[in-house]
Amino acid sequence: MIRQDAAMPVSRFCQLTGIPRRTYTRKLAGMRSGPVGKGPWPAPVVDAIEPVVAKYAADWPAWGHRKIHWLMAADGIAASASSVERAMRRRDLLQPIDYQGERRERACMILCVGG
């Protein structure tokens, strides 16, 4: 807008502002085309393993994605730990962030108190 009001060529405008010409033209093209669509991207691996992960998580509800991943690997189901985590997150099967700390704290209280 400023460049057009001043009737300044692109090369001169870029030189004065310190912006590479390629960056200026790329940003201008992006603004003209509208906002770039962001996600959700297709996830065929997660889509394929999601029902299996849900079954394992239902069988062992206290276990996290790493142990479920290990169980699946032991049973011959190939999937990365991050894919298992994503599948569990989709179905809201992940434990709360401080779940392990809470379990340890409760165990310590039981052992320390003796009850």
PDB file of N, CA and C in Angstrom:
ATOM      1  N   MET A   1       0.817  -1.181   0.000  1.00  0.00           N
ATOM      2  CA  MET A   1       0.000   0.000   0.000  1.00  0.00           C
ATOM      3  C   MET A   1       0.870   1.256   0.000  1.00  0.00           C
ATOM      4  N   ILE A   2       1.869   1.282   0.880  1.00  0.00           N
ATOM      5  CA  ILE A   2       2.764   2.438   0.945  1.00  0.00           C
ATOM      6  C   ILE A   2       3.541   2.562  -0.354  1.00  0.00           C
ATOM      7  N   ARG A   3       4.003   1.424  -0.863  1.00  0.00           N
ATOM      8  CA  ARG A   3       4.780   1.434  -2.097  1.00  0.00           C
ATOM      9  C   ARG A   3       3.937   1.949  -3.249  1.00  0.00           C
ATOM     10  N   GLN A   4       2.677   1.533  -3.329  1.00  0.00           N
ATOM     11  CA  GLN A   4       1.808   1.966  -4.426  1.00  0.00           C
ATOM     12  C   GLN A   4       1.466   3.444  -4.309  1.00  0.00           C
ATOM     13  N   ASP A   5       1.244   3.939  -3.089  1.00  0.00           N
ATOM     14  CA  ASP A   5       0.940   5.359  -2.890  1.00  0.00           C
ATOM     15  C   ASP A   5       2.110   6.242  -3.316  1.00  0.00           C
ATOM     16  N   ALA A   6       3.312   5.755  -3.107  1.00  0.00           N
ATOM     17  CA  ALA A   6       4.497   6.531  -3.478  1.00  0.00           C
ATOM     18  C   ALA A   6       4.914   6.282  -4.916  1.00  0.00           C
ATOM     19  N   ALA A   7       4.202   5.412  -5.628  1.00  0.00           N
ATOM     20  CA  ALA A   7       4.522   5.052  -7.007  1.00  0.00           C
ATOM     21  C   ALA A   7       5.982   4.603  -7.121  1.00  0.00           C
ATOM     22  N   MET A   8       6.372   3.753  -6.176  1.00  0.00           N
ATOM     23  CA  MET A   8       7.749   3.287  -6.089  1.00  0.00           C
ATOM     24  C   MET A   8       7.862   1.889  -6.687  1.00  0.00           C
ATOM     25  N   PRO A   9       8.896   1.602  -7.454  1.00  0.00           N
ATOM     26  CA  PRO A   9       9.089   0.251  -7.971  1.00  0.00           C
ATOM     27  C   PRO A   9       9.407  -0.726  -6.824  1.00  0.00           C
ATOM     28  N   VAL A  10       9.101  -1.977  -7.054  1.00  0.00           N
ATOM     29  CA  VAL A  10       9.305  -3.004  -6.031  1.00  0.00           C
ATOM     30  C   VAL A  10      10.772  -3.089  -5.641  1.00  0.00           C
ATOM     31  N   SER A  11      11.664  -3.023  -6.613  1.00  0.00           N
ATOM     32  CA  SER A  11      13.090  -3.146  -6.306  1.00  0.00           C
ATOM     33  C   SER A  11      13.558  -2.023  -5.373  1.00  0.00           C
ATOM     34  N   ARG A  12      13.122  -0.818  -5.600  1.00  0.00           N
ATOM     35  CA  ARG A  12      13.510   0.325  -4.751  1.00  0.00           C
ATOM     36  C   ARG A  12      12.905   0.192  -3.352  1.00  0.00           C
ATOM     37  N   PHE A  13      11.640  -0.233  -3.277  1.00  0.00           N
ATOM     38  CA  PHE A  13      10.966  -0.407  -1.992  1.00  0.00           C
ATOM     39  C   PHE A  13      11.691  -1.462  -1.154  1.00  0.00           C
ATOM     40  N   CYS A  14      12.053  -2.572  -1.791  1.00  0.00           N
ATOM     41  CA  CYS A  14      12.756  -3.641  -1.080  1.00  0.00           C
ATOM     42  C   CYS A  14      14.129  -3.190  -0.618  1.00  0.00           C
ATOM     43  N   GLN A  15      14.786  -2.395  -1.420  1.00  0.00           N
ATOM     44  CA  GLN A  15      16.102  -1.885  -1.053  1.00  0.00           C
ATOM     45  C   GLN A  15      15.998  -0.953   0.152  1.00  0.00           C
ATOM     46  N   LEU A  16      15.012  -0.084   0.171  1.00  0.00           N
ATOM     47  CA  LEU A  16      14.843   0.859   1.282  1.00  0.00           C
ATOM     48  C   LEU A  16      14.439   0.158   2.584  1.00  0.00           C
ATOM     49  N   THR A  17      13.613  -0.846   2.488  1.00  0.00           N
ATOM     50  CA  THR A  17      13.131  -1.531   3.695  1.00  0.00           C
ATOM     51  C   THR A  17      14.034  -2.666   4.147  1.00  0.00           C
ATOM     52  N   GLY A  18      14.964  -3.090   3.296  1.00  0.00           N
ATOM     53  CA  GLY A  18      15.879  -4.170   3.653  1.00  0.00           C
ATOM     54  C   GLY A  18      15.259  -5.550   3.540  1.00  0.00           C
ATOM     55  N   ILE A  19      14.192  -5.670   2.765  1.00  0.00           N
ATOM     56  CA  ILE A  19      13.518  -6.956   2.557  1.00  0.00           C
ATOM     57  C   ILE A  19      13.983  -7.525   1.223  1.00  0.00           C
ATOM     58  N   PRO A  20      14.384  -8.791   1.179  1.00  0.00           N
ATOM     59  CA  PRO A  20      14.722  -9.382  -0.118  1.00  0.00           C
ATOM     60  C   PRO A  20      13.497  -9.370  -1.034  1.00  0.00           C
ATOM     61  N   ARG A  21      13.748  -9.137  -2.317  1.00  0.00           N
ATOM     62  CA  ARG A  21      12.636  -9.039  -3.267  1.00  0.00           C
ATOM     63  C   ARG A  21      11.825 -10.334  -3.324  1.00  0.00           C
ATOM     64  N   ARG A  22      12.509 -11.462  -3.246  1.00  0.00           N
ATOM     65  CA  ARG A  22      11.812 -12.749  -3.285  1.00  0.00           C
ATOM     66  C   ARG A  22      10.857 -12.893  -2.094  1.00  0.00           C
ATOM     67  N   THR A  23      11.292 -12.456  -0.922  1.00  0.00           N
ATOM     68  CA  THR A  23      10.447 -12.517   0.269  1.00  0.00           C
ATOM     69  C   THR A  23       9.230 -11.620   0.091  1.00  0.00           C
ATOM     70  N   TYR A  24       9.449 -10.424  -0.444  1.00  0.00           N
ATOM     71  CA  TYR A  24       8.341  -9.489  -0.655  1.00  0.00           C
ATOM     72  C   TYR A  24       7.299 -10.075  -1.606  1.00  0.00           C
ATOM     73  N   THR A  25       7.745 -10.630  -2.719  1.00  0.00           N
ATOM     74  CA  THR A  25       6.785 -11.162  -3.689  1.00  0.00           C
ATOM     75  C   THR A  25       6.077 -12.398  -3.146  1.00  0.00           C
ATOM     76  N   ARG A  26       6.799 -13.229  -2.367  1.00  0.00           N
ATOM     77  CA  ARG A  26       6.169 -14.406  -1.770  1.00  0.00           C
ATOM     78  C   ARG A  26       5.101 -14.007  -0.757  1.00  0.00           C
ATOM     79  N   LYS A  27       5.414 -13.047   0.096  1.00  0.00           N
ATOM     80  CA  LYS A  27       4.442 -12.582   1.096  1.00  0.00           C
ATOM     81  C   LYS A  27       3.249 -11.917   0.422  1.00  0.00           C
ATOM     82  N   LEU A  28       3.498 -11.139  -0.623  1.00  0.00           N
ATOM     83  CA  LEU A  28       2.417 -10.472  -1.350  1.00  0.00           C
ATOM     84  C   LEU A  28       1.496 -11.495  -2.005  1.00  0.00           C
ATOM     85  N   ALA A  29       2.075 -12.530  -2.602  1.00  0.00           N
ATOM     86  CA  ALA A  29       1.263 -13.583  -3.219  1.00  0.00           C
ATOM     87  C   ALA A  29       0.443 -14.322  -2.169  1.00  0.00           C
ATOM     88  N   GLY A  30       1.028 -14.547  -0.999  1.00  0.00           N
ATOM     89  CA  GLY A  30       0.301 -15.213   0.078  1.00  0.00           C
ATOM     90  C   GLY A  30      -0.861 -14.379   0.576  1.00  0.00           C
ATOM     91  N   MET A  31      -0.661 -13.070   0.676  1.00  0.00           N
ATOM     92  CA  MET A  31      -1.741 -12.195   1.134  1.00  0.00           C
ATOM     93  C   MET A  31      -2.869 -12.137   0.107  1.00  0.00           C
ATOM     94  N   ARG A  32      -2.518 -12.168  -1.158  1.00  0.00           N
ATOM     95  CA  ARG A  32      -3.539 -12.095  -2.209  1.00  0.00           C
ATOM     96  C   ARG A  32      -4.346 -13.386  -2.312  1.00  0.00           C
ATOM     97  N   SER A  33      -3.715 -14.523  -2.027  1.00  0.00           N
ATOM     98  CA  SER A  33      -4.420 -15.798  -2.161  1.00  0.00           C
ATOM     99  C   SER A  33      -5.281 -16.121  -0.948  1.00  0.00           C
ATOM    100  N   GLY A  34      -5.124 -15.401   0.126  1.00  0.00           N
ATOM    101  CA  GLY A  34      -5.918 -15.649   1.324  1.00  0.00           C
ATOM    102  C   GLY A  34      -5.155 -16.491   2.320  1.00  0.00           C
ATOM    103  N   PRO A  35      -5.788 -16.761   3.436  1.00  0.00           N
ATOM    104  CA  PRO A  35      -5.090 -17.525   4.473  1.00  0.00           C
ATOM    105  C   PRO A  35      -4.860 -18.981   4.051  1.00  0.00           C
ATOM    106  N   VAL A  36      -3.747 -19.509   4.502  1.00  0.00           N
ATOM    107  CA  VAL A  36      -3.382 -20.891   4.200  1.00  0.00           C
ATOM    108  C   VAL A  36      -4.154 -21.803   5.143  1.00  0.00           C
ATOM    109  N   GLY A  37      -4.770 -22.828   4.591  1.00  0.00           N
ATOM    110  CA  GLY A  37      -5.494 -23.780   5.417  1.00  0.00           C
ATOM    111  C   GLY A  37      -4.535 -24.612   6.242  1.00  0.00           C
ATOM    112  N   LYS A  38      -4.797 -24.708   7.530  1.00  0.00           N
ATOM    113  CA  LYS A  38      -3.940 -25.483   8.416  1.00  0.00           C
ATOM    114  C   LYS A  38      -4.729 -26.630   8.991  1.00  0.00           C
ATOM    115  N   GLY A  39      -4.276 -27.833   8.733  1.00  0.00           N
ATOM    116  CA  GLY A  39      -4.807 -29.057   9.288  1.00  0.00           C
ATOM    117  C   GLY A  39      -6.313 -29.155   9.261  1.00  0.00           C
ATOM    118  N   PRO A  40      -6.900 -30.174   9.746  1.00  0.00           N
ATOM    119  CA  PRO A  40      -6.208 -31.390  10.128  1.00  0.00           C
ATOM    120  C   PRO A  40      -5.746 -32.174   8.907  1.00  0.00           C
ATOM    121  N   TRP A  41      -4.531 -32.660   8.990  1.00  0.00           N
ATOM    122  CA  TRP A  41      -3.955 -33.398   7.883  1.00  0.00           C
ATOM    123  C   TRP A  41      -4.354 -34.864   7.988  1.00  0.00           C
ATOM    124  N   PRO A  42      -4.362 -35.572   6.869  1.00  0.00           N
ATOM    125  CA  PRO A  42      -4.692 -36.999   6.927  1.00  0.00           C
ATOM    126  C   PRO A  42      -3.651 -37.767   7.744  1.00  0.00           C
ATOM    127  N   ALA A  43      -4.117 -38.726   8.501  1.00  0.00           N
ATOM    128  CA  ALA A  43      -3.231 -39.539   9.326  1.00  0.00           C
ATOM    129  C   ALA A  43      -3.631 -41.002   9.167  1.00  0.00           C
ATOM    130  N   PRO A  44      -3.251 -41.628   8.041  1.00  0.00           N
ATOM    131  CA  PRO A  44      -3.700 -42.994   7.781  1.00  0.00           C
ATOM    132  C   PRO A  44      -3.204 -44.015   8.796  1.00  0.00           C
ATOM    133  N   VAL A  45      -2.004 -43.833   9.336  1.00  0.00           N
ATOM    134  CA  VAL A  45      -1.477 -44.787  10.313  1.00  0.00           C
ATOM    135  C   VAL A  45      -2.312 -44.733  11.588  1.00  0.00           C
ATOM    136  N   VAL A  46      -2.580 -43.528  12.063  1.00  0.00           N
ATOM    137  CA  VAL A  46      -3.361 -43.373  13.292  1.00  0.00           C
ATOM    138  C   VAL A  46      -4.787 -43.872  13.074  1.00  0.00           C
ATOM    139  N   ASP A  47      -5.349 -43.589  11.902  1.00  0.00           N
ATOM    140  CA  ASP A  47      -6.692 -44.086  11.596  1.00  0.00           C
ATOM    141  C   ASP A  47      -6.738 -45.612  11.637  1.00  0.00           C
ATOM    142  N   ALA A  48      -5.691 -46.258  11.158  1.00  0.00           N
ATOM    143  CA  ALA A  48      -5.665 -47.722  11.093  1.00  0.00           C
ATOM    144  C   ALA A  48      -5.510 -48.362  12.468  1.00  0.00           C
ATOM    145  N   ILE A  49      -4.709 -47.745  13.354  1.00  0.00           N
ATOM    146  CA  ILE A  49      -4.440 -48.383  14.641  1.00  0.00           C
ATOM    147  C   ILE A  49      -5.369 -47.920  15.755  1.00  0.00           C
ATOM    148  N   GLU A  50      -6.177 -46.904  15.513  1.00  0.00           N
ATOM    149  CA  GLU A  50      -7.010 -46.338  16.578  1.00  0.00           C
ATOM    150  C   GLU A  50      -7.920 -47.369  17.249  1.00  0.00           C
ATOM    151  N   PRO A  51      -8.649 -48.228  16.513  1.00  0.00           N
ATOM    152  CA  PRO A  51      -9.493 -49.221  17.196  1.00  0.00           C
ATOM    153  C   PRO A  51      -8.688 -50.219  18.031  1.00  0.00           C
ATOM    154  N   VAL A  52      -7.524 -50.599  17.542  1.00  0.00           N
ATOM    155  CA  VAL A  52      -6.675 -51.542  18.282  1.00  0.00           C
ATOM    156  C   VAL A  52      -6.166 -50.895  19.559  1.00  0.00           C
ATOM    157  N   VAL A  53      -5.733 -49.642  19.451  1.00  0.00           N
ATOM    158  CA  VAL A  53      -5.243 -48.913  20.620  1.00  0.00           C
ATOM    159  C   VAL A  53      -6.362 -48.769  21.644  1.00  0.00           C
ATOM    160  N   ALA A  54      -7.573 -48.479  21.183  1.00  0.00           N
ATOM    161  CA  ALA A  54      -8.710 -48.327  22.094  1.00  0.00           C
ATOM    162  C   ALA A  54      -8.979 -49.635  22.845  1.00  0.00           C
ATOM    163  N   LYS A  55      -8.824 -50.761  22.163  1.00  0.00           N
ATOM    164  CA  LYS A  55      -9.033 -52.062  22.807  1.00  0.00           C
ATOM    165  C   LYS A  55      -7.980 -52.304  23.885  1.00  0.00           C
ATOM    166  N   TYR A  56      -6.721 -52.054  23.564  1.00  0.00           N
ATOM    167  CA  TYR A  56      -5.653 -52.219  24.546  1.00  0.00           C
ATOM    168  C   TYR A  56      -5.856 -51.269  25.727  1.00  0.00           C
ATOM    169  N   ALA A  57      -6.217 -50.032  25.451  1.00  0.00           N
ATOM    170  CA  ALA A  57      -6.416 -49.048  26.517  1.00  0.00           C
ATOM    171  C   ALA A  57      -7.603 -49.428  27.399  1.00  0.00           C
ATOM    172  N   ALA A  58      -8.624 -50.048  26.817  1.00  0.00           N
ATOM    173  CA  ALA A  58      -9.770 -50.496  27.615  1.00  0.00           C
ATOM    174  C   ALA A  58      -9.373 -51.669  28.515  1.00  0.00           C
ATOM    175  N   ASP A  59      -8.492 -52.536  28.013  1.00  0.00           N
ATOM    176  CA  ASP A  59      -8.042 -53.675  28.811  1.00  0.00           C
ATOM    177  C   ASP A  59      -7.121 -53.245  29.958  1.00  0.00           C
ATOM    178  N   TRP A  60      -6.301 -52.228  29.735  1.00  0.00           N
ATOM    179  CA  TRP A  60      -5.374 -51.726  30.747  1.00  0.00           C
ATOM    180  C   TRP A  60      -5.539 -50.211  30.879  1.00  0.00           C
ATOM    181  N   PRO A  61      -6.557 -49.745  31.582  1.00  0.00           N
ATOM    182  CA  PRO A  61      -6.855 -48.310  31.629  1.00  0.00           C
ATOM    183  C   PRO A  61      -5.823 -47.469  32.386  1.00  0.00           C
ATOM    184  N   ALA A  62      -5.030 -48.067  33.249  1.00  0.00           N
ATOM    185  CA  ALA A  62      -4.050 -47.292  34.011  1.00  0.00           C
ATOM    186  C   ALA A  62      -2.739 -47.102  33.260  1.00  0.00           C
ATOM    187  N   TRP A  63      -2.592 -47.735  32.123  1.00  0.00           N
ATOM    188  CA  TRP A  63      -1.334 -47.683  31.396  1.00  0.00           C
ATOM    189  C   TRP A  63      -1.336 -46.551  30.390  1.00  0.00           C
ATOM    190  N   GLY A  64      -0.164 -45.994  30.171  1.00  0.00           N
ATOM    191  CA  GLY A  64      -0.001 -44.905  29.226  1.00  0.00           C
ATOM    192  C   GLY A  64       0.345 -45.400  27.829  1.00  0.00           C
ATOM    193  N   HIS A  65       0.624 -44.444  26.956  1.00  0.00           N
ATOM    194  CA  HIS A  65       0.850 -44.786  25.554  1.00  0.00           C
ATOM    195  C   HIS A  65       2.127 -45.595  25.337  1.00  0.00           C
ATOM    196  N   ARG A  66       3.123 -45.413  26.180  1.00  0.00           N
ATOM    197  CA  ARG A  66       4.379 -46.147  25.980  1.00  0.00           C
ATOM    198  C   ARG A  66       4.203 -47.641  26.260  1.00  0.00           C
ATOM    199  N   LYS A  67       3.504 -47.968  27.335  1.00  0.00           N
ATOM    200  CA  LYS A  67       3.286 -49.381  27.649  1.00  0.00           C
ATOM    201  C   LYS A  67       2.340 -50.018  26.634  1.00  0.00           C
ATOM    202  N   ILE A  68       1.340 -49.268  26.210  1.00  0.00           N
ATOM    203  CA  ILE A  68       0.415 -49.795  25.196  1.00  0.00           C
ATOM    204  C   ILE A  68       1.185 -50.046  23.898  1.00  0.00           C
ATOM    205  N   HIS A  69       2.074 -49.113  23.551  1.00  0.00           N
ATOM    206  CA  HIS A  69       2.913 -49.291  22.362  1.00  0.00           C
ATOM    207  C   HIS A  69       3.759 -50.551  22.494  1.00  0.00           C
ATOM    208  N   TRP A  70       4.338 -50.764  23.668  1.00  0.00           N
ATOM    209  CA  TRP A  70       5.166 -51.942  23.891  1.00  0.00           C
ATOM    210  C   TRP A  70       4.336 -53.216  23.753  1.00  0.00           C
ATOM    211  N   LEU A  71       3.132 -53.227  24.323  1.00  0.00           N
ATOM    212  CA  LEU A  71       2.263 -54.399  24.210  1.00  0.00           C
ATOM    213  C   LEU A  71       1.917 -54.696  22.757  1.00  0.00           C
ATOM    214  N   MET A  72       1.595 -53.645  22.014  1.00  0.00           N
ATOM    215  CA  MET A  72       1.252 -53.824  20.606  1.00  0.00           C
ATOM    216  C   MET A  72       2.445 -54.369  19.827  1.00  0.00           C
ATOM    217  N   ALA A  73       3.637 -53.860  20.126  1.00  0.00           N
ATOM    218  CA  ALA A  73       4.843 -54.336  19.446  1.00  0.00           C
ATOM    219  C   ALA A  73       5.100 -55.800  19.790  1.00  0.00           C
ATOM    220  N   ALA A  74       4.868 -56.172  21.048  1.00  0.00           N
ATOM    221  CA  ALA A  74       5.056 -57.566  21.456  1.00  0.00           C
ATOM    222  C   ALA A  74       4.057 -58.488  20.760  1.00  0.00           C
ATOM    223  N   ASP A  75       2.889 -57.966  20.437  1.00  0.00           N
ATOM    224  CA  ASP A  75       1.876 -58.753  19.727  1.00  0.00           C
ATOM    225  C   ASP A  75       2.030 -58.679  18.208  1.00  0.00           C
ATOM    226  N   GLY A  76       3.044 -57.955  17.735  1.00  0.00           N
ATOM    227  CA  GLY A  76       3.330 -57.908  16.306  1.00  0.00           C
ATOM    228  C   GLY A  76       2.631 -56.796  15.552  1.00  0.00           C
ATOM    229  N   ILE A  77       2.089 -55.822  16.253  1.00  0.00           N
ATOM    230  CA  ILE A  77       1.425 -54.697  15.595  1.00  0.00           C
ATOM    231  C   ILE A  77       2.426 -53.551  15.512  1.00  0.00           C
ATOM    232  N   ALA A  78       2.798 -53.183  14.295  1.00  0.00           N
ATOM    233  CA  ALA A  78       3.824 -52.166  14.088  1.00  0.00           C
ATOM    234  C   ALA A  78       3.199 -50.775  14.085  1.00  0.00           C
ATOM    235  N   ALA A  79       3.604 -49.972  15.045  1.00  0.00           N
ATOM    236  CA  ALA A  79       3.183 -48.571  15.124  1.00  0.00           C
ATOM    237  C   ALA A  79       4.163 -47.862  16.047  1.00  0.00           C
ATOM    238  N   SER A  80       4.402 -46.597  15.774  1.00  0.00           N
ATOM    239  CA  SER A  80       5.311 -45.850  16.636  1.00  0.00           C
ATOM    240  C   SER A  80       4.592 -45.430  17.911  1.00  0.00           C
ATOM    241  N   ALA A  81       5.374 -45.105  18.923  1.00  0.00           N
ATOM    242  CA  ALA A  81       4.797 -44.677  20.201  1.00  0.00           C
ATOM    243  C   ALA A  81       4.016 -43.379  20.032  1.00  0.00           C
ATOM    244  N   SER A  82       4.494 -42.495  19.160  1.00  0.00           N
ATOM    245  CA  SER A  82       3.784 -41.232  18.958  1.00  0.00           C
ATOM    246  C   SER A  82       2.449 -41.451  18.255  1.00  0.00           C
ATOM    247  N   SER A  83       2.376 -42.431  17.361  1.00  0.00           N
ATOM    248  CA  SER A  83       1.091 -42.739  16.714  1.00  0.00           C
ATOM    249  C   SER A  83       0.101 -43.313  17.724  1.00  0.00           C
ATOM    250  N   VAL A  84       0.608 -44.145  18.625  1.00  0.00           N
ATOM    251  CA  VAL A  84      -0.251 -44.688  19.677  1.00  0.00           C
ATOM    252  C   VAL A  84      -0.749 -43.557  20.574  1.00  0.00           C
ATOM    253  N   GLU A  85       0.151 -42.623  20.900  1.00  0.00           N
ATOM    254  CA  GLU A  85      -0.256 -41.478  21.722  1.00  0.00           C
ATOM    255  C   GLU A  85      -1.324 -40.644  21.016  1.00  0.00           C
ATOM    256  N   ARG A  86      -1.160 -40.397  19.720  1.00  0.00           N
ATOM    257  CA  ARG A  86      -2.157 -39.618  18.976  1.00  0.00           C
ATOM    258  C   ARG A  86      -3.502 -40.328  18.938  1.00  0.00           C
ATOM    259  N   ALA A  87      -3.479 -41.647  18.753  1.00  0.00           N
ATOM    260  CA  ALA A  87      -4.725 -42.409  18.729  1.00  0.00           C
ATOM    261  C   ALA A  87      -5.420 -42.350  20.089  1.00  0.00           C
ATOM    262  N   MET A  88      -4.644 -42.435  21.165  1.00  0.00           N
ATOM    263  CA  MET A  88      -5.231 -42.348  22.499  1.00  0.00           C
ATOM    264  C   MET A  88      -5.761 -40.947  22.777  1.00  0.00           C
ATOM    265  N   ARG A  89      -5.062 -39.943  22.285  1.00  0.00           N
ATOM    266  CA  ARG A  89      -5.520 -38.560  22.489  1.00  0.00           C
ATOM    267  C   ARG A  89      -6.832 -38.317  21.754  1.00  0.00           C
ATOM    268  N   ARG A  90      -6.980 -38.882  20.562  1.00  0.00           N
ATOM    269  CA  ARG A  90      -8.220 -38.718  19.801  1.00  0.00           C
ATOM    270  C   ARG A  90      -9.429 -39.207  20.576  1.00  0.00           C
ATOM    271  N   ARG A  91      -9.253 -40.317  21.285  1.00  0.00           N
ATOM    272  CA  ARG A  91     -10.371 -40.901  22.036  1.00  0.00           C
ATOM    273  C   ARG A  91     -10.358 -40.494  23.500  1.00  0.00           C
ATOM    274  N   ASP A  92      -9.508 -39.556  23.859  1.00  0.00           N
ATOM    275  CA  ASP A  92      -9.414 -39.034  25.219  1.00  0.00           C
ATOM    276  C   ASP A  92      -9.111 -40.155  26.221  1.00  0.00           C
ATOM    277  N   LEU A  93      -8.126 -40.983  25.887  1.00  0.00           N
ATOM    278  CA  LEU A  93      -7.751 -42.106  26.730  1.00  0.00           C
ATOM    279  C   LEU A  93      -6.434 -41.889  27.467  1.00  0.00           C
ATOM    280  N   LEU A  94      -5.795 -40.741  27.273  1.00  0.00           N
ATOM    281  CA  LEU A  94      -4.525 -40.477  27.939  1.00  0.00           C
ATOM    282  C   LEU A  94      -4.759 -40.123  29.401  1.00  0.00           C
ATOM    283  N   GLN A  95      -3.796 -40.494  30.232  1.00  0.00           N
ATOM    284  CA  GLN A  95      -3.870 -40.149  31.644  1.00  0.00           C
ATOM    285  C   GLN A  95      -3.563 -38.660  31.807  1.00  0.00           C
ATOM    286  N   PRO A  96      -4.012 -38.040  32.906  1.00  0.00           N
ATOM    287  CA  PRO A  96      -3.646 -36.639  33.160  1.00  0.00           C
ATOM    288  C   PRO A  96      -2.126 -36.492  33.251  1.00  0.00           C
ATOM    289  N   ILE A  97      -1.645 -35.294  33.061  1.00  0.00           N
ATOM    290  CA  ILE A  97      -0.199 -35.037  33.000  1.00  0.00           C
ATOM    291  C   ILE A  97       0.519 -35.527  34.253  1.00  0.00           C
ATOM    292  N   ASP A  98       0.010 -35.237  35.441  1.00  0.00           N
ATOM    293  CA  ASP A  98       0.704 -35.588  36.676  1.00  0.00           C
ATOM    294  C   ASP A  98       0.169 -36.881  37.290  1.00  0.00           C
ATOM    295  N   TYR A  99      -0.387 -37.749  36.477  1.00  0.00           N
ATOM    296  CA  TYR A  99      -0.989 -38.984  36.969  1.00  0.00           C
ATOM    297  C   TYR A  99       0.017 -39.834  37.726  1.00  0.00           C
ATOM    298  N   GLN A 100       1.205 -40.017  37.174  1.00  0.00           N
ATOM    299  CA  GLN A 100       2.219 -40.864  37.802  1.00  0.00           C
ATOM    300  C   GLN A 100       2.658 -40.261  39.130  1.00  0.00           C
ATOM    301  N   GLY A 101       2.821 -38.950  39.179  1.00  0.00           N
ATOM    302  CA  GLY A 101       3.210 -38.297  40.429  1.00  0.00           C
ATOM    303  C   GLY A 101       2.157 -38.461  41.508  1.00  0.00           C
ATOM    304  N   GLU A 102       0.895 -38.369  41.124  1.00  0.00           N
ATOM    305  CA  GLU A 102      -0.188 -38.567  42.089  1.00  0.00           C
ATOM    306  C   GLU A 102      -0.173 -39.997  42.622  1.00  0.00           C
ATOM    307  N   ARG A 103       0.034 -40.979  41.744  1.00  0.00           N
ATOM    308  CA  ARG A 103       0.086 -42.377  42.181  1.00  0.00           C
ATOM    309  C   ARG A 103       1.229 -42.594  43.176  1.00  0.00           C
ATOM    310  N   ARG A 104       2.379 -42.027  42.883  1.00  0.00           N
ATOM    311  CA  ARG A 104       3.529 -42.189  43.774  1.00  0.00           C
ATOM    312  C   ARG A 104       3.284 -41.517  45.121  1.00  0.00           C
ATOM    313  N   GLU A 105       2.658 -40.357  45.068  1.00  0.00           N
ATOM    314  CA  GLU A 105       2.369 -39.638  46.313  1.00  0.00           C
ATOM    315  C   GLU A 105       1.401 -40.439  47.185  1.00  0.00           C
ATOM    316  N   ARG A 106       0.360 -40.991  46.567  1.00  0.00           N
ATOM    317  CA  ARG A 106      -0.592 -41.812  47.321  1.00  0.00           C
ATOM    318  C   ARG A 106       0.079 -43.054  47.884  1.00  0.00           C
ATOM    319  N   ALA A 107       0.954 -43.682  47.103  1.00  0.00           N
ATOM    320  CA  ALA A 107       1.658 -44.878  47.572  1.00  0.00           C
ATOM    321  C   ALA A 107       2.552 -44.549  48.746  1.00  0.00           C
ATOM    322  N   CYS A 108       3.219 -43.414  48.698  1.00  0.00           N
ATOM    323  CA  CYS A 108       4.093 -42.999  49.785  1.00  0.00           C
ATOM    324  C   CYS A 108       3.275 -42.732  51.042  1.00  0.00           C
ATOM    325  N   MET A 109       2.119 -42.087  50.891  1.00  0.00           N
ATOM    326  CA  MET A 109       1.271 -41.803  52.044  1.00  0.00           C
ATOM    327  C   MET A 109       0.788 -43.104  52.684  1.00  0.00           C
ATOM    328  N   ILE A 110       0.447 -44.075  51.863  1.00  0.00           N
ATOM    329  CA  ILE A 110      -0.029 -45.365  52.392  1.00  0.00           C
ATOM    330  C   ILE A 110       1.110 -46.071  53.128  1.00  0.00           C
ATOM    331  N   LEU A 111       2.314 -46.059  52.536  1.00  0.00           N
ATOM    332  CA  LEU A 111       3.440 -46.734  53.151  1.00  0.00           C
ATOM    333  C   LEU A 111       3.940 -46.004  54.404  1.00  0.00           C
ATOM    334  N   CYS A 112       3.952 -44.678  54.336  1.00  0.00           N
ATOM    335  CA  CYS A 112       4.454 -43.888  55.458  1.00  0.00           C
ATOM    336  C   CYS A 112       3.501 -43.935  56.649  1.00  0.00           C
ATOM    337  N   VAL A 113       2.208 -43.867  56.379  1.00  0.00           N
ATOM    338  CA  VAL A 113       1.206 -43.864  57.427  1.00  0.00           C
ATOM    339  C   VAL A 113       0.994 -45.280  57.949  1.00  0.00           C
ATOM    340  N   GLY A 114       1.182 -46.239  57.056  1.00  0.00           N
ATOM    341  CA  GLY A 114       1.009 -47.625  57.452  1.00  0.00           C
ATOM    342  C   GLY A 114      -0.434 -48.089  57.332  1.00  0.00           C
ATOM    343  N   GLY A 115      -1.157 -47.458  56.446  1.00  0.00           N
ATOM    344  CA  GLY A 115      -2.572 -47.820  56.339  1.00  0.00           C
ATOM    345  C   GLY A 115      -2.896 -48.240  55.004  1.00  0.00           C
TER     346      GLY A 115
END
